[in-house]
Amino acid sequence: MSDQKTKPEQEAKLKQEPMTVVDDTTIRENYANKLVATTFDGGALSITLGTTRFVPERIERDAEGKQSKAQVHVTSRLALSPVAAMELTRALTSMLGSLSKMAAQRAGEQTPEEGGPANTG
């Protein structure tokens, strides 16, 4: 018999055993405020992120003297395995749920002057 475990057994073992995170401080952090593209090729989810840049009118004009359009500059490309993509989805869903609850609480705490519910009692 083989000592190799089946894929479900391997995944169950990974979920049970906490992993040590090794933080490489030389990794460059990138900022993005725009999702440029997402693709899935059957093996990996690829995410391309970018940053919108506006050049002030007084600085950049095209050859005809018109204001140049805003541009999105690609700042990051991320490729995730399907398992990592699912983990990211779960984490973001949880985070967005928490943000929604916080926003609802803040909306309920606003005074009438701030646009919140009026106190009729």
C-alpha atoms as a PDB file:
ATOM      1  CA  MET A   1       0.000   0.000   0.000  1.00  0.00           C
ATOM      2  CA  SER A   2       1.045   3.556  -0.635  1.00  0.00           C
ATOM      3  CA  ASP A   3       1.677   6.084   2.138  1.00  0.00           C
ATOM      4  CA  GLN A   4       0.350   8.891  -0.054  1.00  0.00           C
ATOM      5  CA  LYS A   5      -2.834  10.569   1.119  1.00  0.00           C
ATOM      6  CA  THR A   6      -5.715  11.491  -1.124  1.00  0.00           C
ATOM      7  CA  LYS A   7      -6.293  15.108  -2.040  1.00  0.00           C
ATOM      8  CA  PRO A   8      -9.271  15.589   0.363  1.00  0.00           C
ATOM      9  CA  GLU A   9      -7.180  14.129   3.195  1.00  0.00           C
ATOM     10  CA  GLN A  10      -4.306  16.493   2.366  1.00  0.00           C
ATOM     11  CA  GLU A  11      -6.634  19.514   2.296  1.00  0.00           C
ATOM     12  CA  ALA A  12      -8.212  18.486   5.625  1.00  0.00           C
ATOM     13  CA  LYS A  13      -4.765  18.162   7.177  1.00  0.00           C
ATOM     14  CA  LEU A  14      -3.768  21.647   5.936  1.00  0.00           C
ATOM     15  CA  LYS A  15      -6.929  23.145   7.432  1.00  0.00           C
ATOM     16  CA  GLN A  16      -6.220  21.519  10.796  1.00  0.00           C
ATOM     17  CA  GLU A  17      -2.565  22.462  11.103  1.00  0.00           C
ATOM     18  CA  PRO A  18      -1.816  26.171  11.499  1.00  0.00           C
ATOM     19  CA  MET A  19       0.908  27.396   9.186  1.00  0.00           C
ATOM     20  CA  THR A  20       3.791  29.637  10.140  1.00  0.00           C
ATOM     21  CA  VAL A  21       3.822  32.893   8.184  1.00  0.00           C
ATOM     22  CA  VAL A  22       7.270  34.080   7.141  1.00  0.00           C
ATOM     23  CA  ASP A  23       7.095  37.802   6.388  1.00  0.00           C
ATOM     24  CA  ASP A  24       9.707  38.853   3.832  1.00  0.00           C
ATOM     25  CA  THR A  25      10.240  42.553   4.560  1.00  0.00           C
ATOM     26  CA  THR A  26      11.904  43.080   1.169  1.00  0.00           C
ATOM     27  CA  ILE A  27       8.594  42.543  -0.665  1.00  0.00           C
ATOM     28  CA  ARG A  28       7.428  45.768  -2.263  1.00  0.00           C
ATOM     29  CA  GLU A  29       3.939  46.980  -1.385  1.00  0.00           C
ATOM     30  CA  ASN A  30       1.826  48.358  -4.211  1.00  0.00           C
ATOM     31  CA  TYR A  31      -1.130  50.709  -4.051  1.00  0.00           C
ATOM     32  CA  ALA A  32      -4.131  50.341  -6.350  1.00  0.00           C
ATOM     33  CA  ASN A  33      -7.427  52.182  -6.612  1.00  0.00           C
ATOM     34  CA  LYS A  34      -8.689  50.506  -9.778  1.00  0.00           C
ATOM     35  CA  LEU A  35      -9.388  46.913 -10.788  1.00  0.00           C
ATOM     36  CA  VAL A  36      -8.106  46.686 -14.357  1.00  0.00           C
ATOM     37  CA  ALA A  37      -8.850  43.073 -15.257  1.00  0.00           C
ATOM     38  CA  THR A  38      -9.538  39.588 -13.959  1.00  0.00           C
ATOM     39  CA  THR A  39      -9.122  36.350 -15.885  1.00  0.00           C
ATOM     40  CA  PHE A  40      -9.298  32.658 -15.067  1.00  0.00           C
ATOM     41  CA  ASP A  41      -7.538  30.208 -17.341  1.00  0.00           C
ATOM     42  CA  GLY A  42      -8.633  27.058 -15.534  1.00  0.00           C
ATOM     43  CA  GLY A  43      -5.482  26.917 -13.420  1.00  0.00           C
ATOM     44  CA  ALA A  44      -5.053  30.365 -11.938  1.00  0.00           C
ATOM     45  CA  LEU A  45      -7.036  33.510 -11.276  1.00  0.00           C
ATOM     46  CA  SER A  46      -5.125  36.518 -12.576  1.00  0.00           C
ATOM     47  CA  ILE A  47      -5.919  39.946 -11.183  1.00  0.00           C
ATOM     48  CA  THR A  48      -4.500  43.158 -12.654  1.00  0.00           C
ATOM     49  CA  LEU A  49      -4.672  46.286 -10.487  1.00  0.00           C
ATOM     50  CA  GLY A  50      -3.847  49.882 -11.290  1.00  0.00           C
ATOM     51  CA  THR A  51      -3.795  53.446 -10.092  1.00  0.00           C
ATOM     52  CA  THR A  52      -5.723  56.283 -11.683  1.00  0.00           C
ATOM     53  CA  ARG A  53      -3.566  59.302 -12.370  1.00  0.00           C
ATOM     54  CA  PHE A  54      -4.803  62.742 -13.244  1.00  0.00           C
ATOM     55  CA  VAL A  55      -2.332  65.270 -14.572  1.00  0.00           C
ATOM     56  CA  PRO A  56      -3.242  68.872 -13.751  1.00  0.00           C
ATOM     57  CA  GLU A  57      -4.536  70.856 -16.740  1.00  0.00           C
ATOM     58  CA  ARG A  58      -1.746  73.403 -16.554  1.00  0.00           C
ATOM     59  CA  ILE A  59       0.895  70.692 -16.975  1.00  0.00           C
ATOM     60  CA  GLU A  60      -0.201  68.292 -19.672  1.00  0.00           C
ATOM     61  CA  ARG A  61      -1.979  69.019 -22.926  1.00  0.00           C
ATOM     62  CA  ASP A  62      -1.968  66.960 -26.079  1.00  0.00           C
ATOM     63  CA  ALA A  63      -0.675  68.172 -29.451  1.00  0.00           C
ATOM     64  CA  GLU A  64      -3.990  69.934 -30.183  1.00  0.00           C
ATOM     65  CA  GLY A  65      -3.969  71.789 -26.872  1.00  0.00           C
ATOM     66  CA  LYS A  66      -6.697  69.649 -25.312  1.00  0.00           C
ATOM     67  CA  GLN A  67      -6.521  68.332 -21.759  1.00  0.00           C
ATOM     68  CA  SER A  68      -5.193  64.775 -21.696  1.00  0.00           C
ATOM     69  CA  LYS A  69      -7.520  62.066 -20.432  1.00  0.00           C
ATOM     70  CA  ALA A  70      -7.002  60.433 -17.053  1.00  0.00           C
ATOM     71  CA  GLN A  71      -4.905  57.308 -17.231  1.00  0.00           C
ATOM     72  CA  VAL A  72      -4.845  54.068 -15.283  1.00  0.00           C
ATOM     73  CA  HIS A  73      -1.319  52.793 -14.723  1.00  0.00           C
ATOM     74  CA  VAL A  74      -0.928  49.082 -13.961  1.00  0.00           C
ATOM     75  CA  THR A  75       0.730  48.725 -10.563  1.00  0.00           C
ATOM     76  CA  SER A  76       0.272  45.035  -9.723  1.00  0.00           C
ATOM     77  CA  ARG A  77      -0.506  41.675 -11.212  1.00  0.00           C
ATOM     78  CA  LEU A  78      -1.541  38.858  -8.923  1.00  0.00           C
ATOM     79  CA  ALA A  79      -1.979  35.209  -9.912  1.00  0.00           C
ATOM     80  CA  LEU A  80      -3.800  32.944  -7.439  1.00  0.00           C
ATOM     81  CA  SER A  81      -4.469  29.233  -7.367  1.00  0.00           C
ATOM     82  CA  PRO A  82      -8.170  28.344  -7.166  1.00  0.00           C
ATOM     83  CA  VAL A  83      -7.767  27.501  -3.462  1.00  0.00           C
ATOM     84  CA  ALA A  84      -6.072  30.834  -2.712  1.00  0.00           C
ATOM     85  CA  ALA A  85      -8.762  32.643  -4.749  1.00  0.00           C
ATOM     86  CA  MET A  86     -11.455  31.020  -2.588  1.00  0.00           C
ATOM     87  CA  GLU A  87      -9.595  32.012   0.593  1.00  0.00           C
ATOM     88  CA  LEU A  88      -9.357  35.597  -0.681  1.00  0.00           C
ATOM     89  CA  THR A  89     -13.064  35.579  -1.545  1.00  0.00           C
ATOM     90  CA  ARG A  90     -14.011  34.383   1.947  1.00  0.00           C
ATOM     91  CA  ALA A  91     -11.754  36.951   3.626  1.00  0.00           C
ATOM     92  CA  LEU A  92     -13.059  39.841   1.499  1.00  0.00           C
ATOM     93  CA  THR A  93     -16.685  38.777   1.973  1.00  0.00           C
ATOM     94  CA  SER A  94     -16.181  38.736   5.734  1.00  0.00           C
ATOM     95  CA  MET A  95     -14.419  42.103   5.697  1.00  0.00           C
ATOM     96  CA  LEU A  96     -17.096  43.729   3.513  1.00  0.00           C
ATOM     97  CA  GLY A  97     -19.811  42.334   5.788  1.00  0.00           C
ATOM     98  CA  SER A  98     -18.103  43.937   8.788  1.00  0.00           C
ATOM     99  CA  LEU A  99     -17.781  47.254   6.948  1.00  0.00           C
ATOM    100  CA  SER A 100     -21.481  47.170   6.034  1.00  0.00           C
ATOM    101  CA  LYS A 101     -22.441  46.564   9.674  1.00  0.00           C
ATOM    102  CA  MET A 102     -20.204  49.423  10.817  1.00  0.00           C
ATOM    103  CA  ALA A 103     -21.704  51.766   8.228  1.00  0.00           C
ATOM    104  CA  ALA A 104     -25.234  50.815   9.302  1.00  0.00           C
ATOM    105  CA  GLN A 105     -24.362  51.437  12.948  1.00  0.00           C
ATOM    106  CA  ARG A 106     -22.867  54.835  12.148  1.00  0.00           C
ATOM    107  CA  ALA A 107     -25.904  55.787  10.079  1.00  0.00           C
ATOM    108  CA  GLY A 108     -28.148  54.939  13.040  1.00  0.00           C
ATOM    109  CA  GLU A 109     -26.001  57.011  15.416  1.00  0.00           C
ATOM    110  CA  GLN A 110     -26.116  60.232  13.367  1.00  0.00           C
ATOM    111  CA  THR A 111     -28.039  63.195  14.733  1.00  0.00           C
ATOM    112  CA  PRO A 112     -30.790  64.801  12.599  1.00  0.00           C
ATOM    113  CA  GLU A 113     -28.412  67.665  11.737  1.00  0.00           C
ATOM    114  CA  GLU A 114     -25.996  65.105  10.293  1.00  0.00           C
ATOM    115  CA  GLY A 115     -28.666  63.491   8.166  1.00  0.00           C
ATOM    116  CA  GLY A 116     -29.480  60.613  10.528  1.00  0.00           C
ATOM    117  CA  PRO A 117     -32.893  59.535  11.797  1.00  0.00           C
ATOM    118  CA  ALA A 118     -34.887  62.213  13.582  1.00  0.00           C
ATOM    119  CA  ASN A 119     -35.668  61.776  17.282  1.00  0.00           C
ATOM    120  CA  THR A 120     -39.462  61.946  17.485  1.00  0.00           C
ATOM    121  CA  GLY A 121     -39.783  60.889  21.120  1.00  0.00           C
END
